[in-house]
Amino acid sequence: MPKAARKGKTERRPPSPDRKGPAHAPFEEFSVNELDKLVGELEKTKPEGATVDVSAMEDSHHSPCMQEMQAIVVQIVAPEGEPVQTFSMYQYCPACKIAVRVL
């Protein structure tokens, strides 16, 4: 197989310019030295009207270290009785400094 043909199959395409949000694919695990940097990135790229919320995930622990996880959610909270629109959700382990996009 020619080298050029193989190269095309292994290249990762950059995100499209009209895509909102950071370039993390769902279920992608990545290092986060400071949670504030991830939150700042999400704040910059969130859709208009959305909020970035960080909260403790009670009774949810990171299996390698058993520390409590944190949830980071980008969403638009609708009026009472209306559905919430969630754009992305992350789980973060402050002990291991690892995050994973789950939605």
N, C-alpha and C. Protein backbone atom coordinates (compact mmCIF):
# COMPACT_ATOMS: atom_id res chain seq x y z
N MET A 1 0.85 -1.18 0.00
CA MET A 1 0.00 0.00 0.00
C MET A 1 0.89 1.23 0.00
N PRO A 2 0.61 2.22 -0.85
CA PRO A 2 1.42 3.43 -0.89
C PRO A 2 1.36 4.18 0.43
N LYS A 3 2.48 4.82 0.78
CA LYS A 3 2.58 5.56 2.04
C LYS A 3 1.50 6.63 2.16
N ALA A 4 1.18 7.34 1.10
CA ALA A 4 0.16 8.39 1.13
C ALA A 4 -1.21 7.83 1.49
N ALA A 5 -1.53 6.63 1.02
CA ALA A 5 -2.82 6.02 1.31
C ALA A 5 -2.92 5.66 2.79
N ARG A 6 -1.85 5.16 3.37
CA ARG A 6 -1.87 4.81 4.79
C ARG A 6 -1.97 6.05 5.66
N LYS A 7 -1.29 7.12 5.26
CA LYS A 7 -1.29 8.34 6.06
C LYS A 7 -2.70 8.89 6.22
N GLY A 8 -3.50 8.87 5.18
CA GLY A 8 -4.86 9.40 5.23
C GLY A 8 -5.73 8.68 6.25
N LYS A 9 -5.46 7.42 6.49
CA LYS A 9 -6.28 6.65 7.42
C LYS A 9 -5.91 6.93 8.88
N THR A 10 -4.70 7.39 9.15
CA THR A 10 -4.29 7.60 10.53
C THR A 10 -4.37 9.06 10.97
N GLU A 11 -4.57 9.98 10.02
CA GLU A 11 -4.65 11.39 10.38
C GLU A 11 -5.94 11.67 11.13
N ARG A 12 -5.86 12.57 12.09
CA ARG A 12 -7.04 13.01 12.83
C ARG A 12 -7.46 14.36 12.29
N ARG A 13 -8.70 14.45 11.86
CA ARG A 13 -9.17 15.71 11.29
C ARG A 13 -9.42 16.73 12.39
N PRO A 14 -9.08 18.00 12.14
CA PRO A 14 -9.36 19.03 13.13
C PRO A 14 -10.85 19.28 13.22
N PRO A 15 -11.34 19.83 14.36
CA PRO A 15 -12.76 20.10 14.48
C PRO A 15 -13.20 21.14 13.45
N SER A 16 -14.44 21.05 13.03
CA SER A 16 -14.93 22.02 12.05
C SER A 16 -15.02 23.40 12.70
N PRO A 17 -14.84 24.47 11.91
CA PRO A 17 -14.82 25.82 12.47
C PRO A 17 -16.14 26.24 13.10
N ASP A 18 -17.27 25.63 12.70
CA ASP A 18 -18.55 26.03 13.27
C ASP A 18 -18.90 25.25 14.53
N ARG A 19 -18.05 24.35 14.95
CA ARG A 19 -18.29 23.54 16.14
C ARG A 19 -18.15 24.39 17.39
N LYS A 20 -19.13 24.29 18.28
CA LYS A 20 -19.07 24.99 19.56
C LYS A 20 -18.47 24.05 20.59
N GLY A 21 -17.68 24.58 21.49
CA GLY A 21 -17.14 23.80 22.57
C GLY A 21 -15.72 23.36 22.32
N PRO A 22 -15.08 22.85 23.35
CA PRO A 22 -13.70 22.39 23.21
C PRO A 22 -13.64 21.15 22.33
N ALA A 23 -12.44 20.82 21.89
CA ALA A 23 -12.26 19.72 20.95
C ALA A 23 -12.10 18.36 21.63
N HIS A 24 -12.80 18.11 22.71
CA HIS A 24 -12.74 16.82 23.38
C HIS A 24 -13.88 15.95 22.87
N ALA A 25 -13.53 14.77 22.42
CA ALA A 25 -14.55 13.83 21.96
C ALA A 25 -15.19 13.15 23.16
N PRO A 26 -16.44 12.71 23.04
CA PRO A 26 -17.05 11.96 24.14
C PRO A 26 -16.20 10.75 24.52
N PHE A 27 -16.07 10.53 25.81
CA PHE A 27 -15.30 9.44 26.43
C PHE A 27 -13.80 9.58 26.24
N GLU A 28 -13.36 10.76 25.84
CA GLU A 28 -11.93 11.04 25.74
C GLU A 28 -11.41 11.43 27.12
N GLU A 29 -10.39 10.75 27.59
CA GLU A 29 -9.75 11.06 28.87
C GLU A 29 -8.52 11.91 28.61
N PHE A 30 -8.32 12.94 29.42
CA PHE A 30 -7.18 13.84 29.22
C PHE A 30 -6.76 14.45 30.55
N SER A 31 -5.52 14.91 30.61
CA SER A 31 -4.97 15.53 31.82
C SER A 31 -5.46 16.96 31.96
N VAL A 32 -5.74 17.35 33.19
CA VAL A 32 -6.15 18.72 33.51
C VAL A 32 -5.39 19.13 34.76
N ASN A 33 -4.36 19.97 34.60
CA ASN A 33 -3.57 20.38 35.75
C ASN A 33 -4.36 21.24 36.72
N GLU A 34 -5.22 22.10 36.19
CA GLU A 34 -6.05 22.97 37.02
C GLU A 34 -7.47 22.96 36.48
N LEU A 35 -8.42 22.66 37.34
CA LEU A 35 -9.82 22.63 36.94
C LEU A 35 -10.26 23.98 36.38
N ASP A 36 -9.73 25.07 36.92
CA ASP A 36 -10.09 26.41 36.44
C ASP A 36 -9.76 26.60 34.96
N LYS A 37 -8.71 25.95 34.48
CA LYS A 37 -8.37 26.08 33.05
C LYS A 37 -9.42 25.40 32.18
N LEU A 38 -9.88 24.22 32.57
CA LEU A 38 -10.94 23.54 31.82
C LEU A 38 -12.22 24.36 31.87
N VAL A 39 -12.58 24.85 33.05
CA VAL A 39 -13.79 25.66 33.18
C VAL A 39 -13.68 26.92 32.33
N GLY A 40 -12.51 27.56 32.32
CA GLY A 40 -12.29 28.75 31.50
C GLY A 40 -12.44 28.46 30.02
N GLU A 41 -11.92 27.31 29.58
CA GLU A 41 -12.05 26.91 28.17
C GLU A 41 -13.52 26.69 27.82
N LEU A 42 -14.25 26.05 28.72
CA LEU A 42 -15.67 25.81 28.49
C LEU A 42 -16.46 27.12 28.49
N GLU A 43 -16.10 28.05 29.36
CA GLU A 43 -16.76 29.36 29.42
C GLU A 43 -16.59 30.11 28.10
N LYS A 44 -15.39 30.03 27.52
CA LYS A 44 -15.11 30.74 26.27
C LYS A 44 -15.88 30.16 25.08
N THR A 45 -16.15 28.86 25.11
CA THR A 45 -16.73 28.19 23.95
C THR A 45 -18.18 27.78 24.13
N LYS A 46 -18.77 28.09 25.27
CA LYS A 46 -20.15 27.66 25.53
C LYS A 46 -21.12 28.40 24.61
N PRO A 47 -22.24 27.76 24.29
CA PRO A 47 -23.27 28.42 23.49
C PRO A 47 -23.88 29.61 24.25
N GLU A 48 -24.41 30.54 23.51
CA GLU A 48 -25.03 31.72 24.13
C GLU A 48 -26.16 31.29 25.06
N GLY A 49 -26.16 31.86 26.26
CA GLY A 49 -27.20 31.55 27.24
C GLY A 49 -26.89 30.37 28.13
N ALA A 50 -25.83 29.64 27.84
CA ALA A 50 -25.47 28.45 28.63
C ALA A 50 -24.63 28.85 29.83
N THR A 51 -24.63 27.98 30.82
CA THR A 51 -23.80 28.16 32.01
C THR A 51 -22.89 26.96 32.15
N VAL A 52 -21.79 27.15 32.87
CA VAL A 52 -20.88 26.06 33.21
C VAL A 52 -20.97 25.87 34.71
N ASP A 53 -21.44 24.71 35.13
CA ASP A 53 -21.62 24.41 36.55
C ASP A 53 -20.67 23.31 36.98
N VAL A 54 -20.05 23.50 38.14
CA VAL A 54 -19.15 22.51 38.73
C VAL A 54 -19.76 22.08 40.05
N SER A 55 -19.86 20.76 40.26
CA SER A 55 -20.41 20.26 41.52
C SER A 55 -19.77 18.93 41.88
N ALA A 56 -19.79 18.63 43.17
CA ALA A 56 -19.27 17.34 43.66
C ALA A 56 -20.22 16.24 43.24
N MET A 57 -19.65 15.11 42.91
CA MET A 57 -20.46 13.94 42.55
C MET A 57 -20.51 13.03 43.77
N GLU A 58 -21.48 13.27 44.63
CA GLU A 58 -21.59 12.48 45.85
C GLU A 58 -21.74 11.00 45.50
N ASP A 59 -21.06 10.17 46.24
CA ASP A 59 -21.10 8.71 46.06
C ASP A 59 -20.56 8.25 44.72
N SER A 60 -19.77 9.09 44.05
CA SER A 60 -19.11 8.68 42.81
C SER A 60 -17.61 8.89 42.98
N HIS A 61 -16.87 7.80 42.92
CA HIS A 61 -15.44 7.85 43.18
C HIS A 61 -14.64 7.33 41.99
N HIS A 62 -13.48 7.94 41.78
CA HIS A 62 -12.58 7.53 40.71
C HIS A 62 -11.98 6.19 41.11
N SER A 63 -12.19 5.16 40.30
CA SER A 63 -11.79 3.81 40.71
C SER A 63 -10.30 3.64 40.99
N PRO A 64 -9.36 4.28 40.26
CA PRO A 64 -7.95 4.07 40.59
C PRO A 64 -7.54 4.63 41.96
N CYS A 65 -8.14 5.75 42.38
CA CYS A 65 -7.69 6.37 43.63
C CYS A 65 -8.79 6.47 44.69
N MET A 66 -10.02 6.19 44.32
CA MET A 66 -11.19 6.22 45.20
C MET A 66 -11.52 7.62 45.75
N GLN A 67 -11.04 8.66 45.10
CA GLN A 67 -11.37 10.03 45.49
C GLN A 67 -12.69 10.43 44.83
N GLU A 68 -13.40 11.35 45.51
CA GLU A 68 -14.68 11.82 44.98
C GLU A 68 -14.47 12.61 43.68
N MET A 69 -15.31 12.34 42.71
CA MET A 69 -15.24 13.00 41.40
C MET A 69 -16.03 14.31 41.44
N GLN A 70 -15.75 15.17 40.47
CA GLN A 70 -16.51 16.40 40.29
C GLN A 70 -17.14 16.35 38.91
N ALA A 71 -18.32 16.95 38.79
CA ALA A 71 -19.01 17.03 37.50
C ALA A 71 -18.94 18.46 36.99
N ILE A 72 -18.68 18.61 35.71
CA ILE A 72 -18.68 19.91 35.05
C ILE A 72 -19.70 19.79 33.92
N VAL A 73 -20.73 20.63 33.96
CA VAL A 73 -21.83 20.54 33.00
C VAL A 73 -22.01 21.88 32.30
N VAL A 74 -22.12 21.84 30.97
CA VAL A 74 -22.44 23.02 30.18
C VAL A 74 -23.89 22.84 29.73
N GLN A 75 -24.77 23.75 30.20
CA GLN A 75 -26.19 23.59 29.93
C GLN A 75 -26.94 24.91 29.96
N ILE A 76 -28.13 24.88 29.39
CA ILE A 76 -29.06 26.00 29.52
C ILE A 76 -30.19 25.50 30.39
N VAL A 77 -30.39 26.18 31.51
CA VAL A 77 -31.46 25.81 32.43
C VAL A 77 -32.72 26.54 31.98
N ALA A 78 -33.74 25.78 31.66
CA ALA A 78 -35.00 26.34 31.17
C ALA A 78 -35.90 26.70 32.35
N PRO A 79 -36.95 27.46 32.09
CA PRO A 79 -37.93 27.76 33.14
C PRO A 79 -38.51 26.48 33.73
N GLU A 80 -39.03 26.58 34.92
CA GLU A 80 -39.57 25.41 35.62
C GLU A 80 -40.57 24.67 34.73
N GLY A 81 -40.45 23.37 34.70
CA GLY A 81 -41.32 22.53 33.90
C GLY A 81 -40.82 22.30 32.48
N GLU A 82 -39.82 23.03 32.06
CA GLU A 82 -39.25 22.87 30.73
C GLU A 82 -37.98 22.03 30.82
N PRO A 83 -37.63 21.31 29.75
CA PRO A 83 -36.41 20.49 29.81
C PRO A 83 -35.14 21.34 29.80
N VAL A 84 -34.12 20.82 30.44
CA VAL A 84 -32.80 21.44 30.46
C VAL A 84 -32.09 21.00 29.18
N GLN A 85 -31.35 21.91 28.55
CA GLN A 85 -30.58 21.55 27.36
C GLN A 85 -29.11 21.42 27.77
N THR A 86 -28.59 20.20 27.73
CA THR A 86 -27.22 19.93 28.12
C THR A 86 -26.37 19.78 26.87
N PHE A 87 -25.25 20.52 26.83
CA PHE A 87 -24.36 20.49 25.67
C PHE A 87 -23.18 19.56 25.87
N SER A 88 -22.60 19.57 27.07
CA SER A 88 -21.50 18.66 27.37
C SER A 88 -21.41 18.44 28.87
N MET A 89 -20.81 17.31 29.22
CA MET A 89 -20.65 16.95 30.63
C MET A 89 -19.30 16.26 30.78
N TYR A 90 -18.59 16.65 31.83
CA TYR A 90 -17.29 16.08 32.12
C TYR A 90 -17.28 15.55 33.55
N GLN A 91 -16.43 14.56 33.79
CA GLN A 91 -16.12 14.10 35.14
C GLN A 91 -14.64 14.38 35.36
N TYR A 92 -14.33 14.84 36.57
CA TYR A 92 -12.95 15.24 36.88
C TYR A 92 -12.53 14.67 38.22
N CYS A 93 -11.31 14.12 38.27
CA CYS A 93 -10.73 13.64 39.52
C CYS A 93 -9.66 14.63 39.94
N PRO A 94 -9.90 15.38 41.02
CA PRO A 94 -8.91 16.36 41.46
C PRO A 94 -7.61 15.73 41.98
N ALA A 95 -7.67 14.50 42.46
CA ALA A 95 -6.46 13.84 42.96
C ALA A 95 -5.55 13.41 41.81
N CYS A 96 -6.12 12.80 40.79
CA CYS A 96 -5.34 12.31 39.65
C CYS A 96 -5.17 13.36 38.55
N LYS A 97 -5.96 14.44 38.63
CA LYS A 97 -5.93 15.53 37.64
C LYS A 97 -6.24 14.99 36.24
N ILE A 98 -7.28 14.16 36.18
CA ILE A 98 -7.73 13.57 34.93
C ILE A 98 -9.21 13.90 34.75
N ALA A 99 -9.57 14.27 33.53
CA ALA A 99 -10.96 14.52 33.19
C ALA A 99 -11.35 13.61 32.04
N VAL A 100 -12.65 13.37 31.94
CA VAL A 100 -13.19 12.61 30.82
C VAL A 100 -14.51 13.25 30.41
N ARG A 101 -14.68 13.45 29.11
CA ARG A 101 -15.94 13.98 28.62
C ARG A 101 -16.89 12.79 28.51
N VAL A 102 -18.04 12.89 29.17
CA VAL A 102 -19.00 11.79 29.16
C VAL A 102 -20.23 12.09 28.31
N LEU A 103 -20.35 13.34 27.87
CA LEU A 103 -21.45 13.71 26.97
C LEU A 103 -21.02 14.84 26.09
